[in-house]
Amino acid sequence: MEKNSYVNRTYKDALFKKVFKDKQAILNLYNAIRKTHYTNAEAVHVNTIDRVVFLGMENDVSFIIDDILNIYEHQSTQNRNMPIRGLLYLAELYKDYIRENELDIYGNQRIQLPKPIYLVFYNGTEEQPDYEEIYLKDAFRETELPYSDFLDFKAVMLNINYGHNKELMERCRPLKEYAIFVDMIRKNLDRGMKIQQAAHKTVEKCLKKGILKDILLKEKGEIEDMITICYDEELHKRREAEYHEEVGEHRANLKIALWMKQKGMTKEEIKEATELELDEIEKL
């Protein structure tokens, strides 16, 4: 599937990719995380997957430097399945690496691959620690077979909400500015602003303070539109999910009420147990 396949992402995901789309920004983030001091951005080999690989998802940023394959993902919600997704990304990236470097995996000579590091940058509203390791092995069912931990792949989750991981933020200015920008949007929404107004006010204030200035000067209107459109889509999907959840719960209560009625229970008892209206219970 080509890259132009429609992929729905929240504005935070899209903005994260904009902030870290060039080699210099990627190198800054890498240095901040690894506490290295690389200066040559051309040493970064970007290999972000440009195909949809899993449930309509693309990976956000991946690159090789210092013989390390780095997979960086932005995540707006808590997700314990990130190591599974990371494994799928990793398989695709290694496939590309083997093909590009013309490595023979069928030969007798052992091939050499860059070591993988998988980081998840969390920016959701649920409270999370600054640092957490999530292991792929925890997704496997319990077994008594030996070597059950042979696939010991992990995702390292870093909380990049403003106020978290302060040392990392100080080492990487673009990451800190991104966190400030998202925090401003949230605060404006909490004040009762509509998303269009919140986006415009945030962009204007950030421009005055020099936050994400280079990106905002070039793409001010596009970013405001992106925030509005992505936020509206996210809100619509959330409300749709809530509606389907309510409908499912209501149907379940109707089934329970029918069973209770067949057992000879009174309408009042059924109402108390299921919180259905009496006229609904009558129709049963």
Foldseek 3Di string as FASTA:
>chain_A
DFLPPDAFDALLLVVVLVLPVAQVLVVLLVCLVVVHDDDDSVQKAWDFDRDQFPPRDGFRTWTDHPLEIEGEHEDADDDLCVQVVVVRRVVVSVVVVCVVVVPDPPDPDDDDHRHYAAEYEYEYDDDDAQKDKRWPLVVDDDDPDPPSCVPTTIYIYGYLAAPGPVSSCVSRVLSNLSNVLVVQLVVVVVVVDDLLVSLLVSLVVCCVVVRVVVVCVVQVPVSSVSNNVSVVVVVVVVVVVVVVVVVVLLVVLLVVLVVVVVVPDDLVVSCVVSVDDSVSSVVD
